[in-house]
C-alpha cells in the first residue's frame, strides 16, 4: 500500500469518502482505505535539506525506505 496525497478543488462526490479537518485543511479519505489509516497522524518535517510529510501510522507492520509505502 502507499500513501497518496492529491489536491482537489471540489469534494469527492462518492458517498463512501470521510472528511477530517485540522488547522484549516480538509482531508478526504475513501472508505476502503479508512480502515488502514484510522488513527494515523501526518506531520510536516524538515530535516537538514529535506522536507516533506511524515506519516505516523500505528497499524504499519513495515514501510519502505522512503516512507511512502507500507504493509499492515
PDB file of N, CA and C in Angstrom:
ATOM      1  N   UNK A   1       0.838  -1.163   0.000  1.00  0.00           N
ATOM      2  CA  UNK A   1       0.000   0.000   0.000  1.00  0.00           C
ATOM      3  C   UNK A   1       0.887   1.230   0.000  1.00  0.00           C
ATOM      4  N   UNK A   2       0.298   2.370  -0.376  1.00  0.00           N
ATOM      5  CA  UNK A   2       1.085   3.599  -0.415  1.00  0.00           C
ATOM      6  C   UNK A   2       0.229   4.780   0.015  1.00  0.00           C
ATOM      7  N   UNK A   3       0.879   5.739   0.652  1.00  0.00           N
ATOM      8  CA  UNK A   3       0.213   6.990   0.994  1.00  0.00           C
ATOM      9  C   UNK A   3       0.244   7.875  -0.240  1.00  0.00           C
ATOM     10  N   UNK A   4      -0.924   8.377  -0.629  1.00  0.00           N
ATOM     11  CA  UNK A   4      -1.034   9.245  -1.791  1.00  0.00           C
ATOM     12  C   UNK A   4      -1.794  10.503  -1.396  1.00  0.00           C
ATOM     13  N   UNK A   5      -1.200  11.647  -1.656  1.00  0.00           N
ATOM     14  CA  UNK A   5      -1.844  12.925  -1.390  1.00  0.00           C
ATOM     15  C   UNK A   5      -2.086  13.630  -2.707  1.00  0.00           C
ATOM     16  N   UNK A   6      -3.289  14.151  -2.879  1.00  0.00           N
ATOM     17  CA  UNK A   6      -3.631  14.910  -4.083  1.00  0.00           C
ATOM     18  C   UNK A   6      -4.432  16.132  -3.678  1.00  0.00           C
ATOM     19  N   UNK A   7      -4.202  17.238  -4.359  1.00  0.00           N
ATOM     20  CA  UNK A   7      -5.014  18.429  -4.154  1.00  0.00           C
ATOM     21  C   UNK A   7      -6.321  18.269  -4.915  1.00  0.00           C
ATOM     22  N   UNK A   8      -7.429  18.710  -4.313  1.00  0.00           N
ATOM     23  CA  UNK A   8      -8.715  18.700  -5.006  1.00  0.00           C
ATOM     24  C   UNK A   8      -9.366  20.069  -4.856  1.00  0.00           C
ATOM     25  N   UNK A   9     -10.060  20.491  -5.905  1.00  0.00           N
ATOM     26  CA  UNK A   9     -10.765  21.769  -5.864  1.00  0.00           C
ATOM     27  C   UNK A   9     -12.181  21.620  -5.319  1.00  0.00           C
ATOM     28  N   UNK A  10     -12.774  20.451  -5.548  1.00  0.00           N
ATOM     29  CA  UNK A  10     -14.123  20.181  -5.051  1.00  0.00           C
ATOM     30  C   UNK A  10     -14.121  18.846  -4.310  1.00  0.00           C
ATOM     31  N   UNK A  11     -14.957  18.720  -3.289  1.00  0.00           N
ATOM     32  CA  UNK A  11     -15.011  17.464  -2.534  1.00  0.00           C
ATOM     33  C   UNK A  11     -15.413  16.295  -3.427  1.00  0.00           C
ATOM     34  N   UNK A  12     -14.959  15.085  -3.099  1.00  0.00           N
ATOM     35  CA  UNK A  12     -15.365  13.902  -3.869  1.00  0.00           C
ATOM     36  C   UNK A  12     -16.877  13.718  -3.801  1.00  0.00           C
ATOM     37  N   UNK A  13     -17.456  13.224  -4.879  1.00  0.00           N
ATOM     38  CA  UNK A  13     -18.909  13.041  -4.913  1.00  0.00           C
ATOM     39  C   UNK A  13     -19.331  11.666  -4.413  1.00  0.00           C
ATOM     40  N   UNK A  14     -18.408  10.739  -4.312  1.00  0.00           N
ATOM     41  CA  UNK A  14     -18.748   9.398  -3.823  1.00  0.00           C
ATOM     42  C   UNK A  14     -19.153   9.476  -2.356  1.00  0.00           C
ATOM     43  N   UNK A  15     -20.148   8.704  -1.996  1.00  0.00           N
ATOM     44  CA  UNK A  15     -20.681   8.746  -0.636  1.00  0.00           C
ATOM     45  C   UNK A  15     -19.773   8.068   0.384  1.00  0.00           C
ATOM     46  N   UNK A  16     -18.844   7.239  -0.066  1.00  0.00           N
ATOM     47  CA  UNK A  16     -18.035   6.491   0.889  1.00  0.00           C
ATOM     48  C   UNK A  16     -16.773   7.232   1.343  1.00  0.00           C
ATOM     49  N   UNK A  17     -16.641   8.517   1.032  1.00  0.00           N
ATOM     50  CA  UNK A  17     -15.497   9.293   1.486  1.00  0.00           C
ATOM     51  C   UNK A  17     -15.791   9.900   2.846  1.00  0.00           C
ATOM     52  N   UNK A  18     -14.795   9.914   3.716  1.00  0.00           N
ATOM     53  CA  UNK A  18     -14.888  10.545   5.020  1.00  0.00           C
ATOM     54  C   UNK A  18     -13.995  11.767   5.007  1.00  0.00           C
ATOM     55  N   UNK A  19     -14.387  12.810   5.701  1.00  0.00           N
ATOM     56  CA  UNK A  19     -13.558  14.021   5.722  1.00  0.00           C
ATOM     57  C   UNK A  19     -13.163  14.366   7.150  1.00  0.00           C
ATOM     58  N   UNK A  20     -11.964  14.925   7.265  1.00  0.00           N
ATOM     59  CA  UNK A  20     -11.421  15.387   8.531  1.00  0.00           C
ATOM     60  C   UNK A  20     -10.846  16.774   8.304  1.00  0.00           C
ATOM     61  N   UNK A  21     -10.978  17.641   9.302  1.00  0.00           N
ATOM     62  CA  UNK A  21     -10.421  18.985   9.172  1.00  0.00           C
ATOM     63  C   UNK A  21      -9.483  19.260  10.343  1.00  0.00           C
ATOM     64  N   UNK A  22      -8.330  19.818  10.017  1.00  0.00           N
ATOM     65  CA  UNK A  22      -7.350  20.181  11.035  1.00  0.00           C
ATOM     66  C   UNK A  22      -6.532  21.355  10.539  1.00  0.00           C
ATOM     67  N   UNK A  23      -6.399  22.371  11.355  1.00  0.00           N
ATOM     68  CA  UNK A  23      -5.606  23.553  11.027  1.00  0.00           C
ATOM     69  C   UNK A  23      -6.047  24.182   9.706  1.00  0.00           C
ATOM     70  N   UNK A  24      -7.354  24.164   9.430  1.00  0.00           N
ATOM     71  CA  UNK A  24      -7.889  24.779   8.222  1.00  0.00           C
ATOM     72  C   UNK A  24      -7.746  23.947   6.962  1.00  0.00           C
ATOM     73  N   UNK A  25      -7.295  22.714   7.092  1.00  0.00           N
ATOM     74  CA  UNK A  25      -7.118  21.829   5.941  1.00  0.00           C
ATOM     75  C   UNK A  25      -8.106  20.675   6.054  1.00  0.00           C
ATOM     76  N   UNK A  26      -8.829  20.410   4.969  1.00  0.00           N
ATOM     77  CA  UNK A  26      -9.749  19.274   4.940  1.00  0.00           C
ATOM     78  C   UNK A  26      -9.084  18.120   4.216  1.00  0.00           C
ATOM     79  N   UNK A  27      -9.118  16.958   4.836  1.00  0.00           N
ATOM     80  CA  UNK A  27      -8.538  15.743   4.268  1.00  0.00           C
ATOM     81  C   UNK A  27      -9.676  14.777   3.983  1.00  0.00           C
ATOM     82  N   UNK A  28      -9.705  14.233   2.761  1.00  0.00           N
ATOM     83  CA  UNK A  28     -10.718  13.263   2.350  1.00  0.00           C
ATOM     84  C   UNK A  28     -10.073  11.887   2.254  1.00  0.00           C
ATOM     85  N   UNK A  29     -10.724  10.884   2.844  1.00  0.00           N
ATOM     86  CA  UNK A  29     -10.219   9.513   2.818  1.00  0.00           C
ATOM     87  C   UNK A  29     -11.333   8.617   2.294  1.00  0.00           C
ATOM     88  N   UNK A  30     -11.015   7.790   1.292  1.00  0.00           N
ATOM     89  CA  UNK A  30     -12.050   6.897   0.788  1.00  0.00           C
ATOM     90  C   UNK A  30     -12.324   5.800   1.818  1.00  0.00           C
ATOM     91  N   UNK A  31     -13.545   5.331   1.857  1.00  0.00           N
ATOM     92  CA  UNK A  31     -13.997   4.380   2.860  1.00  0.00           C
ATOM     93  C   UNK A  31     -13.213   3.082   2.901  1.00  0.00           C
ATOM     94  N   UNK A  32     -12.758   2.600   1.762  1.00  0.00           N
ATOM     95  CA  UNK A  32     -12.000   1.348   1.715  1.00  0.00           C
ATOM     96  C   UNK A  32     -10.631   1.496   2.380  1.00  0.00           C
ATOM     97  N   UNK A  33     -10.035   2.680   2.279  1.00  0.00           N
ATOM     98  CA  UNK A  33      -8.708   2.918   2.855  1.00  0.00           C
ATOM     99  C   UNK A  33      -8.767   3.311   4.324  1.00  0.00           C
ATOM    100  N   UNK A  34      -9.923   3.764   4.761  1.00  0.00           N
ATOM    101  CA  UNK A  34     -10.052   4.290   6.120  1.00  0.00           C
ATOM    102  C   UNK A  34      -9.599   3.285   7.175  1.00  0.00           C
ATOM    103  N   UNK A  35      -9.905   2.026   6.995  1.00  0.00           N
ATOM    104  CA  UNK A  35      -9.534   1.003   7.979  1.00  0.00           C
ATOM    105  C   UNK A  35      -8.022   0.934   8.170  1.00  0.00           C
ATOM    106  N   UNK A  36      -7.234   1.274   7.154  1.00  0.00           N
ATOM    107  CA  UNK A  36      -5.780   1.207   7.221  1.00  0.00           C
ATOM    108  C   UNK A  36      -5.140   2.474   7.779  1.00  0.00           C
ATOM    109  N   UNK A  37      -5.844   3.596   7.707  1.00  0.00           N
ATOM    110  CA  UNK A  37      -5.251   4.867   8.139  1.00  0.00           C
ATOM    111  C   UNK A  37      -5.963   5.494   9.336  1.00  0.00           C
ATOM    112  N   UNK A  38      -6.980   4.843   9.862  1.00  0.00           N
ATOM    113  CA  UNK A  38      -7.690   5.366  11.028  1.00  0.00           C
ATOM    114  C   UNK A  38      -6.723   5.492  12.205  1.00  0.00           C
ATOM    115  N   UNK A  39      -6.649   6.659  12.799  1.00  0.00           N
ATOM    116  CA  UNK A  39      -5.744   6.903  13.913  1.00  0.00           C
ATOM    117  C   UNK A  39      -4.368   7.403  13.497  1.00  0.00           C
ATOM    118  N   UNK A  40      -4.115   7.491  12.213  1.00  0.00           N
ATOM    119  CA  UNK A  40      -2.828   7.943  11.708  1.00  0.00           C
ATOM    120  C   UNK A  40      -2.687   9.456  11.880  1.00  0.00           C
ATOM    121  N   UNK A  41      -1.463   9.911  12.078  1.00  0.00           N
ATOM    122  CA  UNK A  41      -1.192  11.341  12.092  1.00  0.00           C
ATOM    123  C   UNK A  41      -0.218  11.672  10.970  1.00  0.00           C
ATOM    124  N   UNK A  42      -0.350  12.880  10.457  1.00  0.00           N
ATOM    125  CA  UNK A  42       0.515  13.367   9.376  1.00  0.00           C
ATOM    126  C   UNK A  42       1.137  14.669   9.856  1.00  0.00           C
ATOM    127  N   UNK A  43       2.429  14.790   9.681  1.00  0.00           N
ATOM    128  CA  UNK A  43       3.136  15.982  10.114  1.00  0.00           C
ATOM    129  C   UNK A  43       4.067  16.438   8.993  1.00  0.00           C
ATOM    130  N   UNK A  44       4.386  17.717   8.979  1.00  0.00           N
ATOM    131  CA  UNK A  44       5.356  18.261   8.028  1.00  0.00           C
ATOM    132  C   UNK A  44       6.695  18.319   8.739  1.00  0.00           C
ATOM    133  N   UNK A  45       7.706  17.690   8.158  1.00  0.00           N
ATOM    134  CA  UNK A  45       9.004  17.605   8.808  1.00  0.00           C
ATOM    135  C   UNK A  45      10.098  18.202   7.947  1.00  0.00           C
ATOM    136  N   UNK A  46      10.996  18.946   8.593  1.00  0.00           N
ATOM    137  CA  UNK A  46      12.205  19.436   7.935  1.00  0.00           C
ATOM    138  C   UNK A  46      13.378  18.791   8.635  1.00  0.00           C
ATOM    139  N   UNK A  47      14.227  18.167   7.856  1.00  0.00           N
ATOM    140  CA  UNK A  47      15.409  17.518   8.411  1.00  0.00           C
ATOM    141  C   UNK A  47      16.581  17.809   7.484  1.00  0.00           C
ATOM    142  N   UNK A  48      17.430  18.713   7.905  1.00  0.00           N
ATOM    143  CA  UNK A  48      18.534  19.136   7.045  1.00  0.00           C
ATOM    144  C   UNK A  48      17.993  19.832   5.813  1.00  0.00           C
ATOM    145  N   UNK A  49      18.379  19.348   4.628  1.00  0.00           N
ATOM    146  CA  UNK A  49      17.901  19.925   3.374  1.00  0.00           C
ATOM    147  C   UNK A  49      16.607  19.273   2.896  1.00  0.00           C
ATOM    148  N   UNK A  50      16.160  18.232   3.579  1.00  0.00           N
ATOM    149  CA  UNK A  50      14.941  17.507   3.178  1.00  0.00           C
ATOM    150  C   UNK A  50      13.738  17.999   3.963  1.00  0.00           C
ATOM    151  N   UNK A  51      12.600  18.030   3.296  1.00  0.00           N
ATOM    152  CA  UNK A  51      11.352  18.355   3.964  1.00  0.00           C
ATOM    153  C   UNK A  51      10.219  17.626   3.263  1.00  0.00           C
ATOM    154  N   UNK A  52       9.180  17.314   4.022  1.00  0.00           N
ATOM    155  CA  UNK A  52       8.035  16.624   3.443  1.00  0.00           C
ATOM    156  C   UNK A  52       7.127  16.080   4.526  1.00  0.00           C
ATOM    157  N   UNK A  53       6.079  15.396   4.097  1.00  0.00           N
ATOM    158  CA  UNK A  53       5.121  14.835   5.031  1.00  0.00           C
ATOM    159  C   UNK A  53       5.691  13.596   5.695  1.00  0.00           C
ATOM    160  N   UNK A  54       5.405  13.456   6.981  1.00  0.00           N
ATOM    161  CA  UNK A  54       5.806  12.282   7.741  1.00  0.00           C
ATOM    162  C   UNK A  54       4.518  11.594   8.204  1.00  0.00           C
ATOM    163  N   UNK A  55       4.323  10.355   7.775  1.00  0.00           N
ATOM    164  CA  UNK A  55       3.131   9.587   8.112  1.00  0.00           C
ATOM    165  C   UNK A  55       3.438   8.695   9.305  1.00  0.00           C
ATOM    166  N   UNK A  56       2.677   8.840  10.385  1.00  0.00           N
ATOM    167  CA  UNK A  56       2.857   8.022  11.578  1.00  0.00           C
ATOM    168  C   UNK A  56       1.597   7.180  11.766  1.00  0.00           C
ATOM    169  N   UNK A  57       1.711   5.900  11.423  1.00  0.00           N
ATOM    170  CA  UNK A  57       0.564   5.002  11.406  1.00  0.00           C
ATOM    171  C   UNK A  57       0.862   3.800  12.295  1.00  0.00           C
ATOM    172  N   UNK A  58       0.118   3.679  13.382  1.00  0.00           N
ATOM    173  CA  UNK A  58       0.348   2.575  14.318  1.00  0.00           C
ATOM    174  C   UNK A  58      -0.026   1.216  13.735  1.00  0.00           C
ATOM    175  N   UNK A  59      -0.740   1.195  12.632  1.00  0.00           N
ATOM    176  CA  UNK A  59      -1.143  -0.063  12.004  1.00  0.00           C
ATOM    177  C   UNK A  59      -0.080  -0.618  11.054  1.00  0.00           C
ATOM    178  N   UNK A  60       0.972   0.146  10.799  1.00  0.00           N
ATOM    179  CA  UNK A  60       2.046  -0.314   9.909  1.00  0.00           C
ATOM    180  C   UNK A  60       2.793  -1.488  10.518  1.00  0.00           C
ATOM    181  N   UNK A  61       3.035  -2.503   9.709  1.00  0.00           N
ATOM    182  CA  UNK A  61       3.903  -3.605  10.125  1.00  0.00           C
ATOM    183  C   UNK A  61       5.319  -3.347   9.611  1.00  0.00           C
ATOM    184  N   UNK A  62       5.422  -2.698   8.451  1.00  0.00           N
ATOM    185  CA  UNK A  62       6.707  -2.356   7.850  1.00  0.00           C
ATOM    186  C   UNK A  62       6.481  -1.244   6.833  1.00  0.00           C
ATOM    187  N   UNK A  63       7.559  -0.525   6.509  1.00  0.00           N
ATOM    188  CA  UNK A  63       7.483   0.512   5.477  1.00  0.00           C
ATOM    189  C   UNK A  63       8.765   0.524   4.674  1.00  0.00           C
ATOM    190  N   UNK A  64       8.673   1.078   3.475  1.00  0.00           N
ATOM    191  CA  UNK A  64       9.854   1.164   2.616  1.00  0.00           C
ATOM    192  C   UNK A  64      10.767   2.267   3.118  1.00  0.00           C
ATOM    193  N   UNK A  65      11.938   2.384   2.567  1.00  0.00           N
ATOM    194  CA  UNK A  65      12.915   3.375   2.998  1.00  0.00           C
ATOM    195  C   UNK A  65      12.473   4.805   2.787  1.00  0.00           C
ATOM    196  N   UNK A  66      11.640   5.068   1.776  1.00  0.00           N
ATOM    197  CA  UNK A  66      11.206   6.440   1.512  1.00  0.00           C
ATOM    198  C   UNK A  66      10.040   6.841   2.407  1.00  0.00           C
ATOM    199  N   UNK A  67       9.375   5.879   3.048  1.00  0.00           N
ATOM    200  CA  UNK A  67       8.283   6.181   3.969  1.00  0.00           C
ATOM    201  C   UNK A  67       6.937   6.373   3.311  1.00  0.00           C
ATOM    202  N   UNK A  68       6.816   6.098   2.014  1.00  0.00           N
ATOM    203  CA  UNK A  68       5.544   6.292   1.329  1.00  0.00           C
ATOM    204  C   UNK A  68       4.740   5.000   1.185  1.00  0.00           C
ATOM    205  N   UNK A  69       5.384   3.841   1.105  1.00  0.00           N
ATOM    206  CA  UNK A  69       4.627   2.600   1.006  1.00  0.00           C
ATOM    207  C   UNK A  69       4.782   1.805   2.301  1.00  0.00           C
ATOM    208  N   UNK A  70       3.751   1.011   2.579  1.00  0.00           N
ATOM    209  CA  UNK A  70       3.734   0.302   3.854  1.00  0.00           C
ATOM    210  C   UNK A  70       2.925  -0.985   3.745  1.00  0.00           C
ATOM    211  N   UNK A  71       3.091  -1.841   4.749  1.00  0.00           N
ATOM    212  CA  UNK A  71       2.265  -3.047   4.875  1.00  0.00           C
ATOM    213  C   UNK A  71       1.614  -3.021   6.254  1.00  0.00           C
ATOM    214  N   UNK A  72       0.478  -3.691   6.360  1.00  0.00           N
ATOM    215  CA  UNK A  72      -0.216  -3.777   7.648  1.00  0.00           C
ATOM    216  C   UNK A  72      -0.240  -5.212   8.130  1.00  0.00           C
TER     217      UNK A  72
END
